[in-house]
Amino acid sequence: MKVFMIGGTGLLGCEAARIFIEKGHQVKSVALPPLPEGAPIPEEMEIIFGDINKKSDDEILSMLEGCDSFVFAAGVDERVEFPAPVYDYYYKYNIAPLERILPLCKKAGLKNAVVLGSYFSYLSKKKPEMGLLERNPYFKSRIEQEKVCESFCDDTFSATVLELPYIFGTQKGRRPVWVVLIEQIAGMDKLPFTLYPKGGTAMLTVRQVGQVIVGAAEQTGKGFQAIPIGMYNMNWKKFLSIVYDARGMGKDRKIIGVPPWMMRMGMSGIIKDYEERGIESGMDPLQLPDIMDINLFIPPKYAKSLGATEDDIEAAIFDSIKLSEEAYKGTAELLDMKGE
């Protein structure tokens, strides 16, 4: 099988490319330079440098020639900040590229597509009574992304959206997304405890994401699928014990779980900061406490059905946070994640 990928040099795309190649598949990727120094990018992967959004349809069709599967391992998540209206940026990075490229994939004769989505889509469908789509532009954009993928499916073309939760692992030379967590909790470092929500989250490692991408691409004729992905479920208290250990503060930091109403009282400062900086959050700061109070867990059976195998999640969290701490302190020169 020959795979065309957008984002093949990124954290997740690179790992998927490695596994594709190990299994005997060919991979071609378009990516923006520069590459992170020292990143384990497979030498066998054909890389076309440039902005896919600036390529003509004919140029893209030429890239797709001879390919069987398309993987969209690009886009942005809710941790990337944008000015209002934030939905426009989610559309630009997560939806518009698919509206353009999926019909070209079909024209070029590709059989399927794999798109990296978000488990907030899973939550939105599971708990419609929360009104998440109305209050959270990021959630709405991910649901719309799934609808776009479904709209191009027929007897000749299928698409799988992987609804991914929190992911841990590092790529040498690239700044982890978890720096934002360090920024959020560092203000409590001088206190003898940390206040945090009582809920928890599904999670998995970078290697496991690569495995499910490959597993989904190897399927054909499945129509449209939106699959919630997770291998481990962990409450915030246990997660933070690993975070503080990775930050060099030990595992015994006292974590006090707070109810949503109490967390909401502390959101006014964040809202004011957004307003002063002209930022619109992709998640409603006043609903975020309710979301984080949920045990947003996913059974591992879905990921395992796509080929995910066991991995050391605690080591992956530790490594991610350790590098994030170095980035936060400015002791490591790292490339930022890109949306394009």
C-alpha atoms as a PDB file:
ATOM      1  CA  MET A   1       0.000   0.000   0.000  1.00  0.00           C
ATOM      2  CA  LYS A   2       1.158   3.535  -0.762  1.00  0.00           C
ATOM      3  CA  VAL A   3       0.112   6.231   1.700  1.00  0.00           C
ATOM      4  CA  PHE A   4      -0.069   9.977   1.151  1.00  0.00           C
ATOM      5  CA  MET A   5       0.147  11.891   4.410  1.00  0.00           C
ATOM      6  CA  ILE A   6      -0.162  15.496   5.491  1.00  0.00           C
ATOM      7  CA  GLY A   7       1.874  15.935   8.658  1.00  0.00           C
ATOM      8  CA  GLY A   8       4.217  13.002   8.201  1.00  0.00           C
ATOM      9  CA  THR A   9       7.100  14.775   9.945  1.00  0.00           C
ATOM     10  CA  GLY A  10       5.073  15.756  13.010  1.00  0.00           C
ATOM     11  CA  LEU A  11       4.925  13.936  16.325  1.00  0.00           C
ATOM     12  CA  LEU A  12       2.086  11.585  15.384  1.00  0.00           C
ATOM     13  CA  GLY A  13       2.504  11.400  11.618  1.00  0.00           C
ATOM     14  CA  CYS A  14       6.176  10.527  11.951  1.00  0.00           C
ATOM     15  CA  GLU A  15       5.408   7.579  14.226  1.00  0.00           C
ATOM     16  CA  ALA A  16       2.686   6.359  11.877  1.00  0.00           C
ATOM     17  CA  ALA A  17       5.092   6.650   8.940  1.00  0.00           C
ATOM     18  CA  ARG A  18       7.664   4.551  10.791  1.00  0.00           C
ATOM     19  CA  ILE A  19       5.127   1.794  11.422  1.00  0.00           C
ATOM     20  CA  PHE A  20       3.767   1.924   7.864  1.00  0.00           C
ATOM     21  CA  ILE A  21       7.283   1.462   6.513  1.00  0.00           C
ATOM     22  CA  GLU A  22       8.102  -1.320   8.990  1.00  0.00           C
ATOM     23  CA  LYS A  23       5.044  -3.176   7.690  1.00  0.00           C
ATOM     24  CA  GLY A  24       6.194  -2.850   4.083  1.00  0.00           C
ATOM     25  CA  HIS A  25       4.081   0.112   2.990  1.00  0.00           C
ATOM     26  CA  GLN A  26       5.334   3.208   1.155  1.00  0.00           C
ATOM     27  CA  VAL A  27       4.790   6.703   2.543  1.00  0.00           C
ATOM     28  CA  LYS A  28       4.838  10.080   0.837  1.00  0.00           C
ATOM     29  CA  SER A  29       4.309  13.215   2.912  1.00  0.00           C
ATOM     30  CA  VAL A  30       4.019  16.928   2.336  1.00  0.00           C
ATOM     31  CA  ALA A  31       5.404  18.982   5.223  1.00  0.00           C
ATOM     32  CA  LEU A  32       6.463  22.475   6.162  1.00  0.00           C
ATOM     33  CA  PRO A  33      10.153  23.037   6.877  1.00  0.00           C
ATOM     34  CA  PRO A  34      12.181  23.169   9.015  1.00  0.00           C
ATOM     35  CA  LEU A  35      12.357  19.672  10.436  1.00  0.00           C
ATOM     36  CA  PRO A  36      13.035  19.274  14.162  1.00  0.00           C
ATOM     37  CA  GLU A  37      16.718  18.603  14.691  1.00  0.00           C
ATOM     38  CA  GLY A  38      17.383  14.987  15.581  1.00  0.00           C
ATOM     39  CA  ALA A  39      13.817  13.778  15.003  1.00  0.00           C
ATOM     40  CA  PRO A  40      13.613  10.093  14.001  1.00  0.00           C
ATOM     41  CA  ILE A  41      12.036  10.742  10.608  1.00  0.00           C
ATOM     42  CA  PRO A  42      12.212   7.592   8.455  1.00  0.00           C
ATOM     43  CA  GLU A  43      14.735   7.924   5.645  1.00  0.00           C
ATOM     44  CA  GLU A  44      12.461   5.819   3.429  1.00  0.00           C
ATOM     45  CA  MET A  45       9.630   8.368   3.589  1.00  0.00           C
ATOM     46  CA  GLU A  46       9.383  10.610   0.555  1.00  0.00           C
ATOM     47  CA  ILE A  47       9.017  14.189   1.774  1.00  0.00           C
ATOM     48  CA  ILE A  48       7.705  17.061  -0.334  1.00  0.00           C
ATOM     49  CA  PHE A  49       8.414  20.367   1.391  1.00  0.00           C
ATOM     50  CA  GLY A  50       5.834  23.098   1.055  1.00  0.00           C
ATOM     51  CA  ASP A  51       2.401  24.317   2.088  1.00  0.00           C
ATOM     52  CA  ILE A  52      -0.269  21.950   0.758  1.00  0.00           C
ATOM     53  CA  ASN A  53      -2.792  24.808   0.853  1.00  0.00           C
ATOM     54  CA  LYS A  54      -0.730  26.705  -1.724  1.00  0.00           C
ATOM     55  CA  LYS A  55      -0.537  23.796  -4.156  1.00  0.00           C
ATOM     56  CA  SER A  56      -2.843  23.717  -7.179  1.00  0.00           C
ATOM     57  CA  ASP A  57      -5.327  20.888  -7.652  1.00  0.00           C
ATOM     58  CA  ASP A  58      -3.186  19.503 -10.461  1.00  0.00           C
ATOM     59  CA  GLU A  59      -0.115  19.539  -8.226  1.00  0.00           C
ATOM     60  CA  ILE A  60      -1.984  17.687  -5.487  1.00  0.00           C
ATOM     61  CA  LEU A  61      -3.358  15.146  -7.955  1.00  0.00           C
ATOM     62  CA  SER A  62       0.192  14.527  -9.131  1.00  0.00           C
ATOM     63  CA  MET A  63       1.257  13.880  -5.525  1.00  0.00           C
ATOM     64  CA  LEU A  64      -1.648  11.474  -5.061  1.00  0.00           C
ATOM     65  CA  GLU A  65      -0.879   9.439  -8.175  1.00  0.00           C
ATOM     66  CA  GLY A  66      -0.384   5.780  -7.343  1.00  0.00           C
ATOM     67  CA  CYS A  67      -1.475   6.168  -3.719  1.00  0.00           C
ATOM     68  CA  ASP A  68      -4.066   4.004  -1.997  1.00  0.00           C
ATOM     69  CA  SER A  69      -4.713   5.766   1.316  1.00  0.00           C
ATOM     70  CA  PHE A  70      -4.678   9.317   2.661  1.00  0.00           C
ATOM     71  CA  VAL A  71      -3.776  10.267   6.245  1.00  0.00           C
ATOM     72  CA  PHE A  72      -4.495  13.726   7.656  1.00  0.00           C
ATOM     73  CA  ALA A  73      -2.150  14.033  10.639  1.00  0.00           C
ATOM     74  CA  ALA A  74      -2.196  17.814  10.781  1.00  0.00           C
ATOM     75  CA  GLY A  75      -4.503  20.464  12.207  1.00  0.00           C
ATOM     76  CA  VAL A  76      -4.699  22.218  15.569  1.00  0.00           C
ATOM     77  CA  ASP A  77      -6.355  21.511  18.894  1.00  0.00           C
ATOM     78  CA  GLU A  78      -7.937  23.632  21.617  1.00  0.00           C
ATOM     79  CA  ARG A  79      -4.580  24.436  23.233  1.00  0.00           C
ATOM     80  CA  VAL A  80      -3.510  26.654  20.316  1.00  0.00           C
ATOM     81  CA  GLU A  81      -4.648  30.248  20.853  1.00  0.00           C
ATOM     82  CA  PHE A  82      -6.336  32.395  18.204  1.00  0.00           C
ATOM     83  CA  PRO A  83      -8.144  35.745  18.086  1.00  0.00           C
ATOM     84  CA  ALA A  84     -11.903  35.871  17.597  1.00  0.00           C
ATOM     85  CA  PRO A  85     -13.671  34.362  15.828  1.00  0.00           C
ATOM     86  CA  VAL A  86     -11.708  31.252  16.790  1.00  0.00           C
ATOM     87  CA  TYR A  87     -13.967  28.941  14.788  1.00  0.00           C
ATOM     88  CA  ASP A  88     -12.616  30.450  11.582  1.00  0.00           C
ATOM     89  CA  TYR A  89      -9.141  29.199  12.459  1.00  0.00           C
ATOM     90  CA  TYR A  90     -10.387  25.714  13.312  1.00  0.00           C
ATOM     91  CA  TYR A  91     -12.157  25.692   9.958  1.00  0.00           C
ATOM     92  CA  LYS A  92      -8.962  26.822   8.189  1.00  0.00           C
ATOM     93  CA  TYR A  93      -6.722  24.182   9.722  1.00  0.00           C
ATOM     94  CA  ASN A  94      -9.010  21.237  10.465  1.00  0.00           C
ATOM     95  CA  ILE A  95     -11.870  21.341   7.975  1.00  0.00           C
ATOM     96  CA  ALA A  96     -11.061  23.329   4.809  1.00  0.00           C
ATOM     97  CA  PRO A  97      -8.064  21.132   3.843  1.00  0.00           C
ATOM     98  CA  LEU A  98     -10.312  18.062   3.920  1.00  0.00           C
ATOM     99  CA  GLU A  99     -13.070  19.721   1.904  1.00  0.00           C
ATOM    100  CA  ARG A 100     -10.496  20.309  -0.800  1.00  0.00           C
ATOM    101  CA  ILE A 101      -8.314  17.192  -0.645  1.00  0.00           C
ATOM    102  CA  LEU A 102     -10.863  14.408  -0.072  1.00  0.00           C
ATOM    103  CA  PRO A 103     -12.556  14.879  -3.479  1.00  0.00           C
ATOM    104  CA  LEU A 104      -9.096  14.947  -5.067  1.00  0.00           C
ATOM    105  CA  CYS A 105      -8.307  11.679  -3.303  1.00  0.00           C
ATOM    106  CA  LYS A 106     -11.420  10.129  -4.810  1.00  0.00           C
ATOM    107  CA  LYS A 107     -10.549  11.502  -8.245  1.00  0.00           C
ATOM    108  CA  ALA A 108      -7.059  10.005  -7.970  1.00  0.00           C
ATOM    109  CA  GLY A 109      -8.513   6.605  -7.098  1.00  0.00           C
ATOM    110  CA  LEU A 110      -7.561   6.370  -3.410  1.00  0.00           C
ATOM    111  CA  LYS A 111      -9.692   3.959  -1.431  1.00  0.00           C
ATOM    112  CA  ASN A 112      -9.759   5.477   2.056  1.00  0.00           C
ATOM    113  CA  ALA A 113      -8.751   8.273   4.393  1.00  0.00           C
ATOM    114  CA  VAL A 114      -7.740   8.410   8.040  1.00  0.00           C
ATOM    115  CA  VAL A 115      -8.248  11.700   9.879  1.00  0.00           C
ATOM    116  CA  LEU A 116      -6.979  12.558  13.343  1.00  0.00           C
ATOM    117  CA  GLY A 117      -9.859  14.042  15.307  1.00  0.00           C
ATOM    118  CA  SER A 118     -10.702  14.634  18.967  1.00  0.00           C
ATOM    119  CA  TYR A 119     -12.410  12.707  21.746  1.00  0.00           C
ATOM    120  CA  PHE A 120     -14.345  15.875  22.485  1.00  0.00           C
ATOM    121  CA  SER A 121     -16.489  14.811  19.527  1.00  0.00           C
ATOM    122  CA  TYR A 122     -17.132  11.563  21.386  1.00  0.00           C
ATOM    123  CA  LEU A 123     -18.078  13.525  24.506  1.00  0.00           C
ATOM    124  CA  SER A 124     -20.369  15.870  22.562  1.00  0.00           C
ATOM    125  CA  LYS A 125     -22.297  12.914  21.144  1.00  0.00           C
ATOM    126  CA  LYS A 126     -22.339  11.027  24.434  1.00  0.00           C
ATOM    127  CA  LYS A 127     -23.658  13.943  26.509  1.00  0.00           C
ATOM    128  CA  PRO A 128     -25.868  16.105  24.245  1.00  0.00           C
ATOM    129  CA  GLU A 129     -27.663  17.446  27.328  1.00  0.00           C
ATOM    130  CA  MET A 130     -24.556  19.509  28.180  1.00  0.00           C
ATOM    131  CA  GLY A 131     -24.956  21.695  25.094  1.00  0.00           C
ATOM    132  CA  LEU A 132     -21.230  21.424  24.355  1.00  0.00           C
ATOM    133  CA  LEU A 133     -21.479  22.296  20.668  1.00  0.00           C
ATOM    134  CA  GLU A 134     -23.252  25.569  21.390  1.00  0.00           C
ATOM    135  CA  ARG A 135     -20.674  26.751  23.930  1.00  0.00           C
ATOM    136  CA  ASN A 136     -17.387  25.350  22.633  1.00  0.00           C
ATOM    137  CA  PRO A 137     -16.246  26.320  19.112  1.00  0.00           C
ATOM    138  CA  TYR A 138     -13.547  23.657  19.150  1.00  0.00           C
ATOM    139  CA  PHE A 139     -16.055  20.884  19.834  1.00  0.00           C
ATOM    140  CA  LYS A 140     -18.302  22.183  17.066  1.00  0.00           C
ATOM    141  CA  SER A 141     -15.406  22.253  14.597  1.00  0.00           C
ATOM    142  CA  ARG A 142     -14.488  18.631  15.306  1.00  0.00           C
ATOM    143  CA  ILE A 143     -18.065  17.473  14.770  1.00  0.00           C
ATOM    144  CA  GLU A 144     -18.180  19.442  11.517  1.00  0.00           C
ATOM    145  CA  GLN A 145     -14.891  17.821  10.512  1.00  0.00           C
ATOM    146  CA  GLU A 146     -16.499  14.404  10.952  1.00  0.00           C
ATOM    147  CA  LYS A 147     -19.511  15.449   8.878  1.00  0.00           C
ATOM    148  CA  VAL A 148     -17.228  16.555   6.044  1.00  0.00           C
ATOM    149  CA  CYS A 149     -15.442  13.203   6.083  1.00  0.00           C
ATOM    150  CA  GLU A 150     -18.729  11.314   6.063  1.00  0.00           C
ATOM    151  CA  SER A 151     -20.061  13.372   3.148  1.00  0.00           C
ATOM    152  CA  PHE A 152     -17.400  12.001   0.794  1.00  0.00           C
ATOM    153  CA  CYS A 153     -17.920   8.338   1.651  1.00  0.00           C
ATOM    154  CA  ASP A 154     -19.559   6.007  -0.857  1.00  0.00           C
ATOM    155  CA  ASP A 155     -19.079   2.511  -2.280  1.00  0.00           C
ATOM    156  CA  THR A 156     -15.621   3.441  -3.588  1.00  0.00           C
ATOM    157  CA  PHE A 157     -14.233   5.544  -0.733  1.00  0.00           C
ATOM    158  CA  SER A 158     -14.264   5.212   3.055  1.00  0.00           C
ATOM    159  CA  ALA A 159     -13.074   7.494   5.859  1.00  0.00           C
ATOM    160  CA  THR A 160     -12.176   6.902   9.484  1.00  0.00           C
ATOM    161  CA  VAL A 161     -11.932   9.687  12.046  1.00  0.00           C
ATOM    162  CA  LEU A 162      -9.898   8.696  15.085  1.00  0.00           C
ATOM    163  CA  GLU A 163     -11.330  10.524  18.109  1.00  0.00           C
ATOM    164  CA  LEU A 164      -8.081  10.902  20.009  1.00  0.00           C
ATOM    165  CA  PRO A 165      -7.728  11.788  23.712  1.00  0.00           C
ATOM    166  CA  TYR A 166      -4.630  13.095  25.513  1.00  0.00           C
ATOM    167  CA  ILE A 167      -1.449  11.755  23.916  1.00  0.00           C
ATOM    168  CA  PHE A 168       1.956  11.417  25.542  1.00  0.00           C
ATOM    169  CA  GLY A 169       5.382  10.992  24.053  1.00  0.00           C
ATOM    170  CA  THR A 170       8.072  13.238  22.607  1.00  0.00           C
ATOM    171  CA  GLN A 171       9.779  13.948  19.336  1.00  0.00           C
ATOM    172  CA  LYS A 172      13.351  15.113  19.625  1.00  0.00           C
ATOM    173  CA  GLY A 173      13.628  18.796  18.752  1.00  0.00           C
ATOM    174  CA  ARG A 174       9.882  19.564  18.908  1.00  0.00           C
ATOM    175  CA  ARG A 175       8.078  21.540  21.625  1.00  0.00           C
ATOM    176  CA  PRO A 176       5.412  19.449  23.397  1.00  0.00           C
ATOM    177  CA  VAL A 177       1.851  20.746  23.647  1.00  0.00           C
ATOM    178  CA  TRP A 178       2.006  20.085  27.395  1.00  0.00           C
ATOM    179  CA  VAL A 179       3.906  23.310  28.059  1.00  0.00           C
ATOM    180  CA  VAL A 180       0.483  24.898  28.469  1.00  0.00           C
ATOM    181  CA  LEU A 181      -0.191  22.623  31.454  1.00  0.00           C
ATOM    182  CA  ILE A 182       3.019  23.758  33.128  1.00  0.00           C
ATOM    183  CA  GLU A 183       1.969  27.370  32.580  1.00  0.00           C
ATOM    184  CA  GLN A 184      -1.392  26.665  34.207  1.00  0.00           C
ATOM    185  CA  ILE A 185      -0.161  24.944  37.354  1.00  0.00           C
ATOM    186  CA  ALA A 186       3.141  26.755  37.943  1.00  0.00           C
ATOM    187  CA  GLY A 187       1.295  29.552  39.760  1.00  0.00           C
ATOM    188  CA  MET A 188       0.488  27.115  42.567  1.00  0.00           C
ATOM    189  CA  ASP A 189       4.056  25.864  43.003  1.00  0.00           C
ATOM    190  CA  LYS A 190       4.629  27.967  46.133  1.00  0.00           C
ATOM    191  CA  LEU A 191       1.510  26.595  47.790  1.00  0.00           C
ATOM    192  CA  PRO A 192       1.685  23.360  49.812  1.00  0.00           C
ATOM    193  CA  PHE A 193      -1.004  21.849  47.565  1.00  0.00           C
ATOM    194  CA  THR A 194      -2.521  22.015  44.101  1.00  0.00           C
ATOM    195  CA  LEU A 195      -6.205  22.614  43.446  1.00  0.00           C
ATOM    196  CA  TYR A 196      -7.480  20.653  40.457  1.00  0.00           C
ATOM    197  CA  PRO A 197     -10.734  19.090  39.191  1.00  0.00           C
ATOM    198  CA  LYS A 198     -11.836  15.641  40.356  1.00  0.00           C
ATOM    199  CA  GLY A 199     -12.394  14.010  36.964  1.00  0.00           C
ATOM    200  CA  GLY A 200     -10.059  12.174  34.647  1.00  0.00           C
ATOM    201  CA  THR A 201      -9.246  11.359  31.058  1.00  0.00           C
ATOM    202  CA  ALA A 202      -8.552   8.662  28.529  1.00  0.00           C
ATOM    203  CA  MET A 203      -5.022   8.687  27.134  1.00  0.00           C
ATOM    204  CA  LEU A 204      -2.513   6.784  25.048  1.00  0.00           C
ATOM    205  CA  THR A 205       1.080   7.005  23.851  1.00  0.00           C
ATOM    206  CA  VAL A 206       2.447   8.332  20.580  1.00  0.00           C
ATOM    207  CA  ARG A 207       3.388   4.809  19.512  1.00  0.00           C
ATOM    208  CA  GLN A 208      -0.177   3.635  20.061  1.00  0.00           C
ATOM    209  CA  VAL A 209      -1.512   6.510  17.948  1.00  0.00           C
ATOM    210  CA  GLY A 210       0.811   5.415  15.153  1.00  0.00           C
ATOM    211  CA  GLN A 211      -0.507   1.872  15.467  1.00  0.00           C
ATOM    212  CA  VAL A 212      -4.180   2.858  15.216  1.00  0.00           C
ATOM    213  CA  ILE A 213      -3.494   5.147  12.242  1.00  0.00           C
ATOM    214  CA  VAL A 214      -1.914   2.256  10.382  1.00  0.00           C
ATOM    215  CA  GLY A 215      -4.653  -0.142  11.459  1.00  0.00           C
ATOM    216  CA  ALA A 216      -7.361   2.215  10.214  1.00  0.00           C
ATOM    217  CA  ALA A 217      -5.584   2.789   6.887  1.00  0.00           C
ATOM    218  CA  GLU A 218      -5.290  -0.945   6.291  1.00  0.00           C
ATOM    219  CA  GLN A 219      -9.075  -1.299   6.476  1.00  0.00           C
ATOM    220  CA  THR A 220     -11.045  -0.892   3.248  1.00  0.00           C
ATOM    221  CA  GLY A 221     -14.700  -0.710   2.402  1.00  0.00           C
ATOM    222  CA  LYS A 222     -15.829   0.319   5.889  1.00  0.00           C
ATOM    223  CA  GLY A 223     -17.769   3.426   4.852  1.00  0.00           C
ATOM    224  CA  PHE A 224     -17.620   6.176   7.466  1.00  0.00           C
ATOM    225  CA  GLN A 225     -16.387   5.492  10.984  1.00  0.00           C
ATOM    226  CA  ALA A 226     -15.765   7.808  13.940  1.00  0.00           C
ATOM    227  CA  ILE A 227     -13.918   5.692  16.479  1.00  0.00           C
ATOM    228  CA  PRO A 228     -13.202   6.786  20.081  1.00  0.00           C
ATOM    229  CA  ILE A 229      -9.603   5.877  20.888  1.00  0.00           C
ATOM    230  CA  GLY A 230      -8.050   5.307  24.293  1.00  0.00           C
ATOM    231  CA  MET A 231      -5.814   2.734  25.964  1.00  0.00           C
ATOM    232  CA  TYR A 232      -5.584   4.011  29.548  1.00  0.00           C
ATOM    233  CA  ASN A 233      -7.989   5.841  31.859  1.00  0.00           C
ATOM    234  CA  MET A 234      -6.515   7.949  34.656  1.00  0.00           C
ATOM    235  CA  ASN A 235      -7.921  10.440  37.146  1.00  0.00           C
ATOM    236  CA  TRP A 236      -6.329  13.880  37.380  1.00  0.00           C
ATOM    237  CA  LYS A 237      -4.870  13.212  40.830  1.00  0.00           C
ATOM    238  CA  LYS A 238      -2.779  10.271  39.653  1.00  0.00           C
ATOM    239  CA  PHE A 239      -1.850  12.110  36.465  1.00  0.00           C
ATOM    240  CA  LEU A 240      -0.604  15.129  38.424  1.00  0.00           C
ATOM    241  CA  SER A 241       1.490  12.937  40.688  1.00  0.00           C
ATOM    242  CA  ILE A 242       3.442  11.886  37.587  1.00  0.00           C
ATOM    243  CA  VAL A 243       3.544  15.487  36.349  1.00  0.00           C
ATOM    244  CA  TYR A 244       5.062  16.785  39.578  1.00  0.00           C
ATOM    245  CA  ASP A 245       7.550  13.927  39.686  1.00  0.00           C
ATOM    246  CA  ALA A 246       8.675  14.808  36.145  1.00  0.00           C
ATOM    247  CA  ARG A 247       9.022  18.446  37.210  1.00  0.00           C
ATOM    248  CA  GLY A 248      11.411  17.384  39.971  1.00  0.00           C
ATOM    249  CA  MET A 249       8.958  18.081  42.790  1.00  0.00           C
ATOM    250  CA  GLY A 250       8.329  14.471  43.813  1.00  0.00           C
ATOM    251  CA  LYS A 251       5.298  12.187  43.630  1.00  0.00           C
ATOM    252  CA  ASP A 252       3.824  13.175  46.988  1.00  0.00           C
ATOM    253  CA  ARG A 253       2.524  16.618  46.099  1.00  0.00           C
ATOM    254  CA  LYS A 254      -0.875  17.104  47.771  1.00  0.00           C
ATOM    255  CA  ILE A 255      -3.655  17.348  45.183  1.00  0.00           C
ATOM    256  CA  ILE A 256      -7.015  18.654  46.371  1.00  0.00           C
ATOM    257  CA  GLY A 257      -9.959  17.873  44.118  1.00  0.00           C
ATOM    258  CA  VAL A 258     -12.310  20.810  43.704  1.00  0.00           C
ATOM    259  CA  PRO A 259     -15.940  20.797  42.474  1.00  0.00           C
ATOM    260  CA  PRO A 260     -16.865  22.668  39.276  1.00  0.00           C
ATOM    261  CA  TRP A 261     -18.402  25.631  41.107  1.00  0.00           C
ATOM    262  CA  MET A 262     -15.158  26.287  42.931  1.00  0.00           C
ATOM    263  CA  MET A 263     -13.039  26.020  39.787  1.00  0.00           C
ATOM    264  CA  ARG A 264     -15.459  28.389  38.048  1.00  0.00           C
ATOM    265  CA  MET A 265     -14.699  31.044  40.661  1.00  0.00           C
ATOM    266  CA  GLY A 266     -11.102  31.074  39.492  1.00  0.00           C
ATOM    267  CA  MET A 267     -11.894  31.409  35.794  1.00  0.00           C
ATOM    268  CA  SER A 268     -12.551  35.169  35.863  1.00  0.00           C
ATOM    269  CA  GLY A 269      -8.826  35.906  35.686  1.00  0.00           C
ATOM    270  CA  ILE A 270      -8.432  33.670  32.646  1.00  0.00           C
ATOM    271  CA  ILE A 271     -11.395  35.302  30.917  1.00  0.00           C
ATOM    272  CA  LYS A 272      -9.944  38.754  31.619  1.00  0.00           C
ATOM    273  CA  ASP A 273      -6.547  37.662  30.281  1.00  0.00           C
ATOM    274  CA  TYR A 274      -8.149  36.415  27.052  1.00  0.00           C
ATOM    275  CA  GLU A 275     -10.020  39.687  26.634  1.00  0.00           C
ATOM    276  CA  GLU A 276      -6.879  41.764  27.166  1.00  0.00           C
ATOM    277  CA  ARG A 277      -4.935  39.731  24.641  1.00  0.00           C
ATOM    278  CA  GLY A 278      -7.776  39.545  22.108  1.00  0.00           C
ATOM    279  CA  ILE A 279      -8.004  35.758  22.383  1.00  0.00           C
ATOM    280  CA  GLU A 280     -11.169  33.699  22.019  1.00  0.00           C
ATOM    281  CA  SER A 281     -10.962  30.313  23.697  1.00  0.00           C
ATOM    282  CA  GLY A 282     -12.053  27.231  21.781  1.00  0.00           C
ATOM    283  CA  MET A 283     -13.549  25.948  25.030  1.00  0.00           C
ATOM    284  CA  ASP A 284     -15.954  27.985  27.148  1.00  0.00           C
ATOM    285  CA  PRO A 285     -13.956  28.797  30.320  1.00  0.00           C
ATOM    286  CA  LEU A 286     -17.141  28.706  32.377  1.00  0.00           C
ATOM    287  CA  GLN A 287     -18.070  25.216  31.133  1.00  0.00           C
ATOM    288  CA  LEU A 288     -14.528  23.854  31.310  1.00  0.00           C
ATOM    289  CA  PRO A 289     -14.897  23.008  35.038  1.00  0.00           C
ATOM    290  CA  ASP A 290     -17.881  20.768  34.272  1.00  0.00           C
ATOM    291  CA  ILE A 291     -15.966  19.056  31.461  1.00  0.00           C
ATOM    292  CA  MET A 292     -12.901  18.431  33.604  1.00  0.00           C
ATOM    293  CA  ASP A 293     -15.065  17.048  36.406  1.00  0.00           C
ATOM    294  CA  ILE A 294     -16.108  14.189  34.105  1.00  0.00           C
ATOM    295  CA  ASN A 295     -14.289  10.868  34.017  1.00  0.00           C
ATOM    296  CA  LEU A 296     -13.935  11.064  30.253  1.00  0.00           C
ATOM    297  CA  PHE A 297     -12.885   7.452  29.883  1.00  0.00           C
ATOM    298  CA  ILE A 298     -12.841   5.234  26.784  1.00  0.00           C
ATOM    299  CA  PRO A 299     -12.665   1.410  26.769  1.00  0.00           C
ATOM    300  CA  PRO A 300      -9.408   0.204  25.163  1.00  0.00           C
ATOM    301  CA  LYS A 301     -11.237  -2.284  22.944  1.00  0.00           C
ATOM    302  CA  TYR A 302     -11.574   0.201  20.071  1.00  0.00           C
ATOM    303  CA  ALA A 303      -7.862   1.027  19.959  1.00  0.00           C
ATOM    304  CA  LYS A 304      -6.920  -2.633  20.329  1.00  0.00           C
ATOM    305  CA  SER A 305      -9.188  -3.549  17.406  1.00  0.00           C
ATOM    306  CA  LEU A 306      -7.008  -1.279  15.253  1.00  0.00           C
ATOM    307  CA  GLY A 307      -3.773  -2.850  16.438  1.00  0.00           C
ATOM    308  CA  ALA A 308      -2.761  -0.841  19.499  1.00  0.00           C
ATOM    309  CA  THR A 309      -0.606  -2.803  21.940  1.00  0.00           C
ATOM    310  CA  GLU A 310       0.448  -2.154  25.522  1.00  0.00           C
ATOM    311  CA  ASP A 311       2.958   0.594  26.258  1.00  0.00           C
ATOM    312  CA  ASP A 312       4.377   2.416  29.293  1.00  0.00           C
ATOM    313  CA  ILE A 313       1.980   5.341  29.678  1.00  0.00           C
ATOM    314  CA  GLU A 314       3.558   6.621  32.895  1.00  0.00           C
ATOM    315  CA  ALA A 315       6.985   6.815  31.255  1.00  0.00           C
ATOM    316  CA  ALA A 316       5.441   8.618  28.281  1.00  0.00           C
ATOM    317  CA  ILE A 317       3.770  11.164  30.580  1.00  0.00           C
ATOM    318  CA  PHE A 318       7.025  11.638  32.507  1.00  0.00           C
ATOM    319  CA  ASP A 319       9.059  12.241  29.339  1.00  0.00           C
ATOM    320  CA  SER A 320       6.457  14.630  27.888  1.00  0.00           C
ATOM    321  CA  ILE A 321       6.299  16.737  31.048  1.00  0.00           C
ATOM    322  CA  LYS A 322      10.067  16.721  31.579  1.00  0.00           C
ATOM    323  CA  LEU A 323      10.622  18.153  28.096  1.00  0.00           C
ATOM    324  CA  SER A 324       7.716  20.579  28.604  1.00  0.00           C
ATOM    325  CA  GLU A 325       9.331  21.823  31.817  1.00  0.00           C
ATOM    326  CA  GLU A 326      12.588  22.412  29.944  1.00  0.00           C
ATOM    327  CA  ALA A 327      10.700  24.330  27.266  1.00  0.00           C
ATOM    328  CA  TYR A 328       8.838  26.345  29.917  1.00  0.00           C
ATOM    329  CA  LYS A 329      12.119  27.308  31.594  1.00  0.00           C
ATOM    330  CA  GLY A 330      13.762  28.074  28.259  1.00  0.00           C
ATOM    331  CA  THR A 331      16.508  25.493  28.675  1.00  0.00           C
ATOM    332  CA  ALA A 332      15.660  23.665  25.430  1.00  0.00           C
ATOM    333  CA  GLU A 333      15.439  25.061  21.893  1.00  0.00           C
ATOM    334  CA  LEU A 334      12.464  23.399  20.259  1.00  0.00           C
ATOM    335  CA  LEU A 335      10.287  23.832  17.191  1.00  0.00           C
ATOM    336  CA  ASP A 336       6.633  24.626  17.836  1.00  0.00           C
ATOM    337  CA  MET A 337       3.866  22.347  16.621  1.00  0.00           C
ATOM    338  CA  LYS A 338       2.410  23.571  13.326  1.00  0.00           C
ATOM    339  CA  GLY A 339      -1.163  23.698  12.168  1.00  0.00           C
ATOM    340  CA  GLU A 340      -0.429  23.846   8.450  1.00  0.00           C
END
